């Protein structure tokens, strides 16, 4: 019991859930979590209980919060400890900067009109993640684009939830 309490207090991560049609992300620090996603996931108990609650119970999460310690959010950029996350959930116009912006992961959600090549021209990114709110044909197109550009893509509909541990 003491070990699980200690482990819970030390946990810090971001989880992108495998929820068809909905953006669902938890930022976790200790036993607190901040939800980022579609409001229906907060309002409707059925998908919340089916998709989110099992993980939250397993991780001993007990308190929903509006902000998490050691995290900063501005628009769709998240700074979580030393990890930088970009959430792309709508069309973005790109003007490539003189120096690329470093991000650890880019989460693509909600079927945005975006090309991986445009993202790659703007960001140095270690991992692209596409969630289950995207249509499968768009995910297939992004997979092909990533393969051509030799960029890593994690497909949540194919592989399940994505977990980023935060140092």
Protein backbone atom coordinates (compact mmCIF):
# COMPACT_ATOMS: atom_id res chain seq x y z
CA UNK A 1 0.00 0.00 0.00
CA UNK A 2 2.79 2.44 0.88
CA UNK A 3 4.55 1.71 -2.42
CA UNK A 4 1.42 2.35 -4.50
CA UNK A 5 0.83 5.64 -2.64
CA UNK A 6 4.43 6.67 -3.28
CA UNK A 7 4.18 5.66 -6.96
CA UNK A 8 0.90 7.59 -7.34
CA UNK A 9 2.41 10.76 -5.87
CA UNK A 10 5.38 10.48 -8.28
CA UNK A 11 3.40 9.81 -11.48
CA UNK A 12 3.42 12.51 -14.13
CA UNK A 13 2.20 11.85 -17.65
CA UNK A 14 -0.04 12.76 -20.54
CA UNK A 15 -2.51 10.19 -21.85
CA UNK A 16 -4.24 10.49 -25.22
CA UNK A 17 -7.17 8.07 -24.97
CA UNK A 18 -8.60 5.82 -27.68
CA UNK A 19 -12.10 7.34 -27.82
CA UNK A 20 -13.78 7.14 -31.25
CA UNK A 21 -14.97 10.56 -32.53
CA UNK A 22 -13.83 12.53 -29.44
CA UNK A 23 -10.65 14.28 -28.33
CA UNK A 24 -9.82 12.98 -24.84
CA UNK A 25 -6.55 13.79 -23.10
CA UNK A 26 -5.56 13.67 -19.41
CA UNK A 27 -2.57 15.47 -17.96
CA UNK A 28 -1.63 13.64 -14.77
CA UNK A 29 0.42 14.76 -11.79
CA UNK A 30 0.22 12.67 -8.62
CA UNK A 31 -3.43 11.76 -8.10
CA UNK A 32 -4.65 14.92 -9.88
CA UNK A 33 -5.65 15.11 -13.52
CA UNK A 34 -6.61 17.84 -15.94
CA UNK A 35 -8.89 16.87 -18.82
CA UNK A 36 -8.44 18.42 -22.25
CA UNK A 37 -10.99 17.39 -24.82
CA UNK A 38 -14.55 17.43 -25.99
CA UNK A 39 -17.05 18.59 -23.39
CA UNK A 40 -19.35 15.64 -24.13
CA UNK A 41 -16.77 13.46 -22.38
CA UNK A 42 -17.38 15.45 -19.19
CA UNK A 43 -21.14 15.69 -19.57
CA UNK A 44 -22.06 12.15 -20.68
CA UNK A 45 -21.38 9.51 -18.04
CA UNK A 46 -21.54 6.53 -20.43
CA UNK A 47 -18.47 7.27 -22.60
CA UNK A 48 -16.64 8.71 -19.59
CA UNK A 49 -17.23 5.53 -17.57
CA UNK A 50 -16.34 3.27 -20.50
CA UNK A 51 -13.26 5.03 -21.91
CA UNK A 52 -11.73 7.18 -19.15
CA UNK A 53 -12.72 5.84 -15.76
CA UNK A 54 -10.89 2.46 -15.91
CA UNK A 55 -7.55 4.21 -16.49
CA UNK A 56 -8.24 6.82 -13.83
CA UNK A 57 -9.09 4.11 -11.30
CA UNK A 58 -5.99 2.07 -12.20
CA UNK A 59 -3.79 5.16 -11.80
CA UNK A 60 -5.52 6.08 -8.49
CA UNK A 61 -6.56 9.48 -9.85
CA UNK A 62 -9.01 11.11 -7.49
CA UNK A 63 -9.11 14.83 -8.18
CA UNK A 64 -9.94 16.68 -11.39
CA UNK A 65 -8.20 20.01 -11.62
CA UNK A 66 -8.25 23.03 -13.93
CA UNK A 67 -4.46 23.20 -13.90
CA UNK A 68 -1.67 20.82 -13.07
CA UNK A 69 1.55 21.53 -11.20
CA UNK A 70 4.60 21.97 -13.46
CA UNK A 71 2.41 22.54 -16.52
CA UNK A 72 1.66 25.55 -18.64
CA UNK A 73 -0.88 25.85 -21.42
CA UNK A 74 -1.25 28.58 -24.00
CA UNK A 75 -3.76 27.93 -26.78
CA UNK A 76 -2.80 24.49 -28.14
CA UNK A 77 0.77 24.48 -26.78
CA UNK A 78 1.45 22.62 -23.55
CA UNK A 79 4.63 22.73 -21.51
CA UNK A 80 4.58 19.72 -19.17
CA UNK A 81 7.73 19.61 -17.06
CA UNK A 82 10.43 19.47 -19.72
CA UNK A 83 8.10 18.12 -22.45
CA UNK A 84 6.52 20.31 -25.12
CA UNK A 85 3.26 19.24 -26.73
CA UNK A 86 1.28 20.76 -29.59
CA UNK A 87 -2.36 19.78 -30.12
CA UNK A 88 -3.54 20.37 -33.69
CA UNK A 89 -7.34 20.17 -33.75
CA UNK A 90 -8.18 22.75 -36.41
CA UNK A 91 -6.74 24.09 -39.64
CA UNK A 92 -3.58 26.09 -39.06
CA UNK A 93 -1.92 28.47 -41.50
CA UNK A 94 1.83 28.02 -41.47
CA UNK A 95 4.56 30.53 -42.07
CA UNK A 96 7.70 28.47 -41.47
CA UNK A 97 9.91 30.29 -38.95
CA UNK A 98 13.60 30.97 -39.57
CA UNK A 99 14.32 28.40 -36.85
CA UNK A 100 12.08 25.38 -36.36
CA UNK A 101 10.20 25.13 -33.05
CA UNK A 102 11.11 22.09 -30.93
CA UNK A 103 8.22 19.98 -29.64
CA UNK A 104 8.26 16.47 -28.21
CA UNK A 105 4.91 15.38 -29.64
CA UNK A 106 2.24 16.72 -31.94
CA UNK A 107 -1.24 15.33 -31.28
CA UNK A 108 -3.53 15.56 -34.32
CA UNK A 109 -7.20 15.49 -33.39
CA UNK A 110 -10.65 16.33 -34.82
CA UNK A 111 -9.83 15.88 -38.56
CA UNK A 112 -7.97 19.15 -39.16
CA UNK A 113 -6.98 20.14 -42.68
CA UNK A 114 -3.26 19.80 -42.16
CA UNK A 115 -0.35 18.28 -44.01
CA UNK A 116 2.47 16.56 -42.14
CA UNK A 117 4.97 18.28 -44.46
CA UNK A 118 3.72 21.70 -43.28
CA UNK A 119 4.10 20.62 -39.65
CA UNK A 120 7.58 19.23 -40.34
CA UNK A 121 8.66 22.51 -41.98
CA UNK A 122 7.63 24.41 -38.83
CA UNK A 123 8.41 22.00 -35.99
CA UNK A 124 11.19 19.62 -34.98
CA UNK A 125 9.00 16.86 -33.58
CA UNK A 126 10.01 13.53 -32.02
CA UNK A 127 6.58 11.87 -32.32
CA UNK A 128 3.35 12.49 -34.22
CA UNK A 129 0.22 11.06 -32.59
CA UNK A 130 -3.18 10.76 -34.30
CA UNK A 131 -6.15 10.07 -32.08
CA UNK A 132 -9.42 8.21 -32.69
CA UNK A 133 -11.39 11.43 -33.29
CA UNK A 134 -9.89 11.48 -36.82
CA UNK A 135 -11.39 9.58 -39.73
CA UNK A 136 -9.51 6.43 -40.71
CA UNK A 137 -8.89 7.61 -44.29
CA UNK A 138 -7.22 10.79 -42.99
CA UNK A 139 -5.09 8.74 -40.59
CA UNK A 140 -4.02 6.53 -43.53
CA UNK A 141 -3.03 9.63 -45.53
CA UNK A 142 -0.99 10.98 -42.60
CA UNK A 143 0.68 7.58 -42.15
CA UNK A 144 1.76 7.59 -45.80
CA UNK A 145 3.03 11.16 -45.50
CA UNK A 146 5.03 10.29 -42.38
CA UNK A 147 6.53 7.22 -44.07
CA UNK A 148 7.67 9.32 -47.04
CA UNK A 149 9.21 11.90 -44.70
CA UNK A 150 10.69 9.24 -42.36
CA UNK A 151 8.77 10.63 -39.37
CA UNK A 152 7.39 8.49 -36.51
CA UNK A 153 3.59 8.34 -36.33
CA UNK A 154 1.62 6.66 -33.56
CA UNK A 155 -1.96 5.78 -34.55
CA UNK A 156 -4.19 5.42 -31.50
CA UNK A 157 -6.93 3.49 -33.39
CA UNK A 158 -4.23 0.95 -34.37
CA UNK A 159 -2.14 0.80 -31.18
CA UNK A 160 -4.38 2.03 -28.34
CA UNK A 161 -3.92 4.94 -25.96
CA UNK A 162 -0.69 6.93 -26.12
CA UNK A 163 1.17 7.68 -22.90
CA UNK A 164 3.92 10.30 -22.60
CA UNK A 165 5.84 10.13 -19.34
CA UNK A 166 6.87 13.53 -18.08
CA UNK A 167 10.20 13.89 -16.31
